[in-house]
């Protein structure tokens, strides 16, 4: 994730230099395509991380509930029911 952000920052710097020094039209086209692809990769990665984190939370909650279910003592049958 950090490497994607570093690449985007580098491309941003190159785009800034392109506007100042006017490197040419080809660089702008390539830069825009690379920006779109890296941004798409970041979006996919973030959505995958979100889904993974949600699954981990559900697994932790499930483990907590299982632990609570096994530690509770059952109600004794000798007590009268009201």
PDB file of N, CA and C in Angstrom:
ATOM      1  N   UNK A   1       0.829  -1.182   0.000  1.00  0.00           N
ATOM      2  CA  UNK A   1       0.000   0.000   0.000  1.00  0.00           C
ATOM      3  C   UNK A   1       0.878   1.252   0.000  1.00  0.00           C
ATOM      4  N   UNK A   2       1.931   1.213   0.804  1.00  0.00           N
ATOM      5  CA  UNK A   2       2.834   2.348   0.861  1.00  0.00           C
ATOM      6  C   UNK A   2       3.535   2.554  -0.478  1.00  0.00           C
ATOM      7  N   UNK A   3       3.891   1.465  -1.129  1.00  0.00           N
ATOM      8  CA  UNK A   3       4.573   1.599  -2.419  1.00  0.00           C
ATOM      9  C   UNK A   3       3.652   2.227  -3.471  1.00  0.00           C
ATOM     10  N   UNK A   4       2.359   1.879  -3.429  1.00  0.00           N
ATOM     11  CA  UNK A   4       1.401   2.486  -4.367  1.00  0.00           C
ATOM     12  C   UNK A   4       1.344   3.997  -4.132  1.00  0.00           C
ATOM     13  N   UNK A   5       1.300   4.387  -2.881  1.00  0.00           N
ATOM     14  CA  UNK A   5       1.223   5.822  -2.558  1.00  0.00           C
ATOM     15  C   UNK A   5       2.494   6.554  -2.967  1.00  0.00           C
ATOM     16  N   UNK A   6       3.649   5.919  -2.807  1.00  0.00           N
ATOM     17  CA  UNK A   6       4.909   6.539  -3.223  1.00  0.00           C
ATOM     18  C   UNK A   6       4.937   6.716  -4.735  1.00  0.00           C
ATOM     19  N   UNK A   7       4.447   5.706  -5.461  1.00  0.00           N
ATOM     20  CA  UNK A   7       4.402   5.809  -6.924  1.00  0.00           C
ATOM     21  C   UNK A   7       3.472   6.951  -7.345  1.00  0.00           C
ATOM     22  N   UNK A   8       2.310   7.045  -6.713  1.00  0.00           N
ATOM     23  CA  UNK A   8       1.382   8.138  -7.033  1.00  0.00           C
ATOM     24  C   UNK A   8       1.995   9.496  -6.728  1.00  0.00           C
ATOM     25  N   UNK A   9       2.701   9.595  -5.615  1.00  0.00           N
ATOM     26  CA  UNK A   9       3.354  10.856  -5.280  1.00  0.00           C
ATOM     27  C   UNK A   9       4.409  11.209  -6.325  1.00  0.00           C
ATOM     28  N   UNK A  10       5.194  10.225  -6.738  1.00  0.00           N
ATOM     29  CA  UNK A  10       6.203  10.459  -7.777  1.00  0.00           C
ATOM     30  C   UNK A  10       5.578  10.909  -9.081  1.00  0.00           C
ATOM     31  N   UNK A  11       4.483  10.280  -9.455  1.00  0.00           N
ATOM     32  CA  UNK A  11       3.797  10.689 -10.680  1.00  0.00           C
ATOM     33  C   UNK A  11       3.225  12.099 -10.547  1.00  0.00           C
ATOM     34  N   UNK A  12       2.763  12.422  -9.354  1.00  0.00           N
ATOM     35  CA  UNK A  12       2.270  13.777  -9.128  1.00  0.00           C
ATOM     36  C   UNK A  12       3.375  14.809  -9.286  1.00  0.00           C
ATOM     37  N   UNK A  13       4.556  14.496  -8.776  1.00  0.00           N
ATOM     38  CA  UNK A  13       5.698  15.399  -8.930  1.00  0.00           C
ATOM     39  C   UNK A  13       6.055  15.540 -10.405  1.00  0.00           C
ATOM     40  N   UNK A  14       6.076  14.408 -11.123  1.00  0.00           N
ATOM     41  CA  UNK A  14       6.380  14.464 -12.559  1.00  0.00           C
ATOM     42  C   UNK A  14       5.333  15.268 -13.327  1.00  0.00           C
ATOM     43  N   UNK A  15       4.060  15.124 -12.943  1.00  0.00           N
ATOM     44  CA  UNK A  15       3.017  15.908 -13.601  1.00  0.00           C
ATOM     45  C   UNK A  15       3.194  17.396 -13.325  1.00  0.00           C
ATOM     46  N   UNK A  16       3.597  17.721 -12.101  1.00  0.00           N
ATOM     47  CA  UNK A  16       3.847  19.120 -11.757  1.00  0.00           C
ATOM     48  C   UNK A  16       5.015  19.671 -12.580  1.00  0.00           C
ATOM     49  N   UNK A  17       6.085  18.890 -12.674  1.00  0.00           N
ATOM     50  CA  UNK A  17       7.223  19.334 -13.481  1.00  0.00           C
ATOM     51  C   UNK A  17       6.848  19.457 -14.957  1.00  0.00           C
ATOM     52  N   UNK A  18       5.941  18.580 -15.410  1.00  0.00           N
ATOM     53  CA  UNK A  18       5.491  18.634 -16.798  1.00  0.00           C
ATOM     54  C   UNK A  18       4.757  19.937 -17.081  1.00  0.00           C
ATOM     55  N   UNK A  19       3.960  20.392 -16.120  1.00  0.00           N
ATOM     56  CA  UNK A  19       3.235  21.651 -16.342  1.00  0.00           C
ATOM     57  C   UNK A  19       4.190  22.848 -16.337  1.00  0.00           C
ATOM     58  N   UNK A  20       5.263  22.749 -15.566  1.00  0.00           N
ATOM     59  CA  UNK A  20       6.219  23.859 -15.505  1.00  0.00           C
ATOM     60  C   UNK A  20       7.123  23.877 -16.736  1.00  0.00           C
ATOM     61  N   UNK A  21       7.709  22.726 -17.073  1.00  0.00           N
ATOM     62  CA  UNK A  21       8.715  22.687 -18.132  1.00  0.00           C
ATOM     63  C   UNK A  21       8.178  22.237 -19.488  1.00  0.00           C
ATOM     64  N   UNK A  22       6.904  21.809 -19.539  1.00  0.00           N
ATOM     65  CA  UNK A  22       6.247  21.427 -20.781  1.00  0.00           C
ATOM     66  C   UNK A  22       7.050  20.358 -21.549  1.00  0.00           C
ATOM     67  N   UNK A  23       7.096  19.157 -20.946  1.00  0.00           N
ATOM     68  CA  UNK A  23       7.847  18.050 -21.536  1.00  0.00           C
ATOM     69  C   UNK A  23       7.251  17.555 -22.856  1.00  0.00           C
ATOM     70  N   UNK A  24       5.965  17.619 -22.984  1.00  0.00           N
ATOM     71  CA  UNK A  24       5.355  17.177 -24.233  1.00  0.00           C
ATOM     72  C   UNK A  24       4.036  16.470 -24.005  1.00  0.00           C
ATOM     73  N   UNK A  25       3.303  16.302 -25.087  1.00  0.00           N
ATOM     74  CA  UNK A  25       1.967  15.714 -25.025  1.00  0.00           C
ATOM     75  C   UNK A  25       2.008  14.218 -24.707  1.00  0.00           C
ATOM     76  N   UNK A  26       3.019  13.492 -25.157  1.00  0.00           N
ATOM     77  CA  UNK A  26       3.087  12.044 -24.925  1.00  0.00           C
ATOM     78  C   UNK A  26       3.187  11.751 -23.429  1.00  0.00           C
ATOM     79  N   UNK A  27       4.018  12.511 -22.734  1.00  0.00           N
ATOM     80  CA  UNK A  27       4.172  12.295 -21.293  1.00  0.00           C
ATOM     81  C   UNK A  27       2.851  12.487 -20.561  1.00  0.00           C
ATOM     82  N   UNK A  28       2.071  13.455 -20.954  1.00  0.00           N
ATOM     83  CA  UNK A  28       0.787  13.710 -20.289  1.00  0.00           C
ATOM     84  C   UNK A  28      -0.172  12.548 -20.483  1.00  0.00           C
ATOM     85  N   UNK A  29      -0.212  11.972 -21.660  1.00  0.00           N
ATOM     86  CA  UNK A  29      -1.098  10.836 -21.918  1.00  0.00           C
ATOM     87  C   UNK A  29      -0.675   9.627 -21.099  1.00  0.00           C
ATOM     88  N   UNK A  30       0.614   9.341 -21.097  1.00  0.00           N
ATOM     89  CA  UNK A  30       1.108   8.189 -20.346  1.00  0.00           C
ATOM     90  C   UNK A  30       0.882   8.396 -18.850  1.00  0.00           C
ATOM     91  N   UNK A  31       1.161   9.590 -18.383  1.00  0.00           N
ATOM     92  CA  UNK A  31       1.003   9.901 -16.968  1.00  0.00           C
ATOM     93  C   UNK A  31      -0.451   9.748 -16.526  1.00  0.00           C
ATOM     94  N   UNK A  32      -1.380  10.206 -17.327  1.00  0.00           N
ATOM     95  CA  UNK A  32      -2.787  10.101 -16.957  1.00  0.00           C
ATOM     96  C   UNK A  32      -3.245   8.648 -16.915  1.00  0.00           C
ATOM     97  N   UNK A  33      -2.779   7.823 -17.848  1.00  0.00           N
ATOM     98  CA  UNK A  33      -3.150   6.406 -17.852  1.00  0.00           C
ATOM     99  C   UNK A  33      -2.571   5.706 -16.626  1.00  0.00           C
ATOM    100  N   UNK A  34      -1.325   5.997 -16.298  1.00  0.00           N
ATOM    101  CA  UNK A  34      -0.698   5.384 -15.130  1.00  0.00           C
ATOM    102  C   UNK A  34      -1.405   5.834 -13.852  1.00  0.00           C
ATOM    103  N   UNK A  35      -1.777   7.097 -13.760  1.00  0.00           N
ATOM    104  CA  UNK A  35      -2.538   7.575 -12.608  1.00  0.00           C
ATOM    105  C   UNK A  35      -3.842   6.785 -12.464  1.00  0.00           C
ATOM    106  N   UNK A  36      -4.559   6.594 -13.552  1.00  0.00           N
ATOM    107  CA  UNK A  36      -5.826   5.869 -13.491  1.00  0.00           C
ATOM    108  C   UNK A  36      -5.615   4.427 -13.056  1.00  0.00           C
ATOM    109  N   UNK A  37      -4.611   3.750 -13.599  1.00  0.00           N
ATOM    110  CA  UNK A  37      -4.376   2.353 -13.246  1.00  0.00           C
ATOM    111  C   UNK A  37      -3.951   2.194 -11.786  1.00  0.00           C
ATOM    112  N   UNK A  38      -3.092   3.066 -11.315  1.00  0.00           N
ATOM    113  CA  UNK A  38      -2.652   2.970  -9.922  1.00  0.00           C
ATOM    114  C   UNK A  38      -3.796   3.319  -8.979  1.00  0.00           C
ATOM    115  N   UNK A  39      -4.596   4.295  -9.329  1.00  0.00           N
ATOM    116  CA  UNK A  39      -5.752   4.632  -8.500  1.00  0.00           C
ATOM    117  C   UNK A  39      -6.741   3.469  -8.451  1.00  0.00           C
ATOM    118  N   UNK A  40      -6.948   2.814  -9.572  1.00  0.00           N
ATOM    119  CA  UNK A  40      -7.820   1.645  -9.596  1.00  0.00           C
ATOM    120  C   UNK A  40      -7.249   0.537  -8.713  1.00  0.00           C
ATOM    121  N   UNK A  41      -5.951   0.324  -8.770  1.00  0.00           N
ATOM    122  CA  UNK A  41      -5.311  -0.670  -7.913  1.00  0.00           C
ATOM    123  C   UNK A  41      -5.470  -0.347  -6.443  1.00  0.00           C
ATOM    124  N   UNK A  42      -5.339   0.923  -6.085  1.00  0.00           N
ATOM    125  CA  UNK A  42      -5.528   1.333  -4.694  1.00  0.00           C
ATOM    126  C   UNK A  42      -6.962   1.097  -4.233  1.00  0.00           C
ATOM    127  N   UNK A  43      -7.926   1.413  -5.087  1.00  0.00           N
ATOM    128  CA  UNK A  43      -9.331   1.193  -4.725  1.00  0.00           C
ATOM    129  C   UNK A  43      -9.623  -0.287  -4.504  1.00  0.00           C
ATOM    130  N   UNK A  44      -9.113  -1.132  -5.389  1.00  0.00           N
ATOM    131  CA  UNK A  44      -9.325  -2.576  -5.245  1.00  0.00           C
ATOM    132  C   UNK A  44      -8.665  -3.075  -3.970  1.00  0.00           C
ATOM    133  N   UNK A  45      -7.453  -2.633  -3.711  1.00  0.00           N
ATOM    134  CA  UNK A  45      -6.729  -3.064  -2.514  1.00  0.00           C
ATOM    135  C   UNK A  45      -7.457  -2.628  -1.243  1.00  0.00           C
ATOM    136  N   UNK A  46      -7.949  -1.402  -1.205  1.00  0.00           N
ATOM    137  CA  UNK A  46      -8.673  -0.928  -0.031  1.00  0.00           C
ATOM    138  C   UNK A  46      -9.964  -1.703   0.195  1.00  0.00           C
ATOM    139  N   UNK A  47     -10.671  -2.015  -0.882  1.00  0.00           N
ATOM    140  CA  UNK A  47     -11.905  -2.789  -0.719  1.00  0.00           C
ATOM    141  C   UNK A  47     -11.604  -4.199  -0.226  1.00  0.00           C
ATOM    142  N   UNK A  48     -10.517  -4.807  -0.715  1.00  0.00           N
ATOM    143  CA  UNK A  48     -10.133  -6.137  -0.236  1.00  0.00           C
ATOM    144  C   UNK A  48      -9.749  -6.091   1.241  1.00  0.00           C
ATOM    145  N   UNK A  49      -9.021  -5.060   1.645  1.00  0.00           N
ATOM    146  CA  UNK A  49      -8.621  -4.930   3.045  1.00  0.00           C
ATOM    147  C   UNK A  49      -9.835  -4.719   3.941  1.00  0.00           C
ATOM    148  N   UNK A  50     -10.812  -3.964   3.470  1.00  0.00           N
ATOM    149  CA  UNK A  50     -12.026  -3.723   4.243  1.00  0.00           C
ATOM    150  C   UNK A  50     -12.792  -5.018   4.459  1.00  0.00           C
ATOM    151  N   UNK A  51     -12.935  -5.810   3.392  1.00  0.00           N
ATOM    152  CA  UNK A  51     -13.643  -7.086   3.509  1.00  0.00           C
ATOM    153  C   UNK A  51     -12.894  -8.036   4.435  1.00  0.00           C
ATOM    154  N   UNK A  52     -11.580  -8.073   4.333  1.00  0.00           N
ATOM    155  CA  UNK A  52     -10.781  -8.949   5.187  1.00  0.00           C
ATOM    156  C   UNK A  52     -10.916  -8.533   6.646  1.00  0.00           C
ATOM    157  N   UNK A  53     -10.868  -7.232   6.913  1.00  0.00           N
ATOM    158  CA  UNK A  53     -11.002  -6.736   8.283  1.00  0.00           C
ATOM    159  C   UNK A  53     -12.373  -7.084   8.853  1.00  0.00           C
ATOM    160  N   UNK A  54     -13.410  -6.985   8.033  1.00  0.00           N
ATOM    161  CA  UNK A  54     -14.761  -7.318   8.494  1.00  0.00           C
ATOM    162  C   UNK A  54     -14.849  -8.801   8.847  1.00  0.00           C
ATOM    163  N   UNK A  55     -14.245  -9.654   8.037  1.00  0.00           N
ATOM    164  CA  UNK A  55     -14.252 -11.088   8.327  1.00  0.00           C
ATOM    165  C   UNK A  55     -13.493 -11.386   9.616  1.00  0.00           C
ATOM    166  N   UNK A  56     -12.375 -10.700   9.825  1.00  0.00           N
ATOM    167  CA  UNK A  56     -11.611 -10.898  11.053  1.00  0.00           C
ATOM    168  C   UNK A  56     -12.416 -10.490  12.270  1.00  0.00           C
ATOM    169  N   UNK A  57     -13.138  -9.387  12.181  1.00  0.00           N
ATOM    170  CA  UNK A  57     -13.971  -8.944  13.302  1.00  0.00           C
ATOM    171  C   UNK A  57     -15.060  -9.969  13.604  1.00  0.00           C
ATOM    172  N   UNK A  58     -15.679 -10.509  12.556  1.00  0.00           N
ATOM    173  CA  UNK A  58     -16.721 -11.509  12.760  1.00  0.00           C
ATOM    174  C   UNK A  58     -16.157 -12.775  13.387  1.00  0.00           C
ATOM    175  N   UNK A  59     -14.963 -13.185  12.968  1.00  0.00           N
ATOM    176  CA  UNK A  59     -14.338 -14.363  13.558  1.00  0.00           C
ATOM    177  C   UNK A  59     -13.994 -14.136  15.022  1.00  0.00           C
ATOM    178  N   UNK A  60     -13.497 -12.959  15.361  1.00  0.00           N
ATOM    179  CA  UNK A  60     -13.195 -12.639  16.762  1.00  0.00           C
ATOM    180  C   UNK A  60     -14.461 -12.629  17.602  1.00  0.00           C
ATOM    181  N   UNK A  61     -15.515 -12.038  17.072  1.00  0.00           N
ATOM    182  CA  UNK A  61     -16.786 -11.992  17.803  1.00  0.00           C
ATOM    183  C   UNK A  61     -17.334 -13.397  17.996  1.00  0.00           C
ATOM    184  N   UNK A  62     -17.220 -14.244  16.973  1.00  0.00           N
ATOM    185  CA  UNK A  62     -17.674 -15.618  17.068  1.00  0.00           C
ATOM    186  C   UNK A  62     -16.900 -16.362  18.153  1.00  0.00           C
ATOM    187  N   UNK A  63     -15.589 -16.158  18.209  1.00  0.00           N
ATOM    188  CA  UNK A  63     -14.775 -16.802  19.236  1.00  0.00           C
ATOM    189  C   UNK A  63     -15.181 -16.325  20.632  1.00  0.00           C
ATOM    190  N   UNK A  64     -15.474 -15.031  20.775  1.00  0.00           N
ATOM    191  CA  UNK A  64     -15.916 -14.508  22.067  1.00  0.00           C
ATOM    192  C   UNK A  64     -17.236 -15.134  22.496  1.00  0.00           C
ATOM    193  N   UNK A  65     -18.165 -15.243  21.555  1.00  0.00           N
ATOM    194  CA  UNK A  65     -19.465 -15.822  21.885  1.00  0.00           C
ATOM    195  C   UNK A  65     -19.342 -17.303  22.230  1.00  0.00           C
ATOM    196  N   UNK A  66     -18.471 -18.019  21.521  1.00  0.00           N
ATOM    197  CA  UNK A  66     -18.260 -19.430  21.848  1.00  0.00           C
ATOM    198  C   UNK A  66     -17.660 -19.577  23.241  1.00  0.00           C
ATOM    199  N   UNK A  67     -16.740 -18.685  23.580  1.00  0.00           N
ATOM    200  CA  UNK A  67     -16.126 -18.723  24.910  1.00  0.00           C
ATOM    201  C   UNK A  67     -17.158 -18.427  25.985  1.00  0.00           C
ATOM    202  N   UNK A  68     -18.021 -17.471  25.743  1.00  0.00           N
ATOM    203  CA  UNK A  68     -19.074 -17.144  26.711  1.00  0.00           C
ATOM    204  C   UNK A  68     -20.042 -18.303  26.868  1.00  0.00           C
ATOM    205  N   UNK A  69     -20.361 -18.978  25.772  1.00  0.00           N
ATOM    206  CA  UNK A  69     -21.313 -20.092  25.828  1.00  0.00           C
ATOM    207  C   UNK A  69     -20.737 -21.268  26.609  1.00  0.00           C
ATOM    208  N   UNK A  70     -19.441 -21.489  26.517  1.00  0.00           N
ATOM    209  CA  UNK A  70     -18.849 -22.630  27.226  1.00  0.00           C
ATOM    210  C   UNK A  70     -18.580 -22.322  28.692  1.00  0.00           C
ATOM    211  N   UNK A  71     -18.429 -21.061  29.069  1.00  0.00           N
ATOM    212  CA  UNK A  71     -18.122 -20.733  30.457  1.00  0.00           C
ATOM    213  C   UNK A  71     -19.370 -20.565  31.311  1.00  0.00           C
ATOM    214  N   UNK A  72     -20.521 -20.381  30.713  1.00  0.00           N
ATOM    215  CA  UNK A  72     -21.753 -20.224  31.494  1.00  0.00           C
ATOM    216  C   UNK A  72     -22.178 -21.572  32.062  1.00  0.00           C
ATOM    217  N   UNK A  73     -22.605 -21.538  33.330  1.00  0.00           N
ATOM    218  CA  UNK A  73     -23.095 -22.756  33.963  1.00  0.00           C
ATOM    219  C   UNK A  73     -24.576 -22.909  33.643  1.00  0.00           C
ATOM    220  N   UNK A  74     -25.004 -24.124  33.344  1.00  0.00           N
ATOM    221  CA  UNK A  74     -26.439 -24.328  33.092  1.00  0.00           C
ATOM    222  C   UNK A  74     -27.239 -24.182  34.384  1.00  0.00           C
ATOM    223  N   UNK A  75     -28.492 -23.826  34.263  1.00  0.00           N
ATOM    224  CA  UNK A  75     -29.383 -23.658  35.412  1.00  0.00           C
ATOM    225  C   UNK A  75     -29.665 -25.041  35.990  1.00  0.00           C
ATOM    226  N   UNK A  76     -29.583 -25.150  37.318  1.00  0.00           N
ATOM    227  CA  UNK A  76     -29.806 -26.441  37.951  1.00  0.00           C
ATOM    228  C   UNK A  76     -31.289 -26.797  37.873  1.00  0.00           C
ATOM    229  N   UNK A  77     -31.569 -28.082  37.635  1.00  0.00           N
ATOM    230  CA  UNK A  77     -32.938 -28.548  37.473  1.00  0.00           C
ATOM    231  C   UNK A  77     -33.663 -28.653  38.803  1.00  0.00           C
ATOM    232  N   UNK A  78     -32.950 -28.661  39.926  1.00  0.00           N
ATOM    233  CA  UNK A  78     -33.600 -28.841  41.240  1.00  0.00           C
ATOM    234  C   UNK A  78     -34.294 -27.560  41.706  1.00  0.00           C
ATOM    235  N   UNK A  79     -34.005 -26.433  41.109  1.00  0.00           N
ATOM    236  CA  UNK A  79     -34.650 -25.198  41.513  1.00  0.00           C
ATOM    237  C   UNK A  79     -36.075 -25.164  40.970  1.00  0.00           C
ATOM    238  N   UNK A  80     -37.027 -24.763  41.779  1.00  0.00           N
ATOM    239  CA  UNK A  80     -38.407 -24.702  41.293  1.00  0.00           C
ATOM    240  C   UNK A  80     -38.608 -23.548  40.305  1.00  0.00           C
ATOM    241  N   UNK A  81     -39.416 -23.807  39.337  1.00  0.00           N
ATOM    242  CA  UNK A  81     -39.696 -22.803  38.328  1.00  0.00           C
ATOM    243  C   UNK A  81     -40.960 -22.064  38.733  1.00  0.00           C
ATOM    244  N   UNK A  82     -40.956 -20.757  38.711  1.00  0.00           N
ATOM    245  CA  UNK A  82     -42.085 -19.961  39.163  1.00  0.00           C
ATOM    246  C   UNK A  82     -43.166 -19.893  38.141  1.00  0.00           C
TER     247      UNK A  82
END
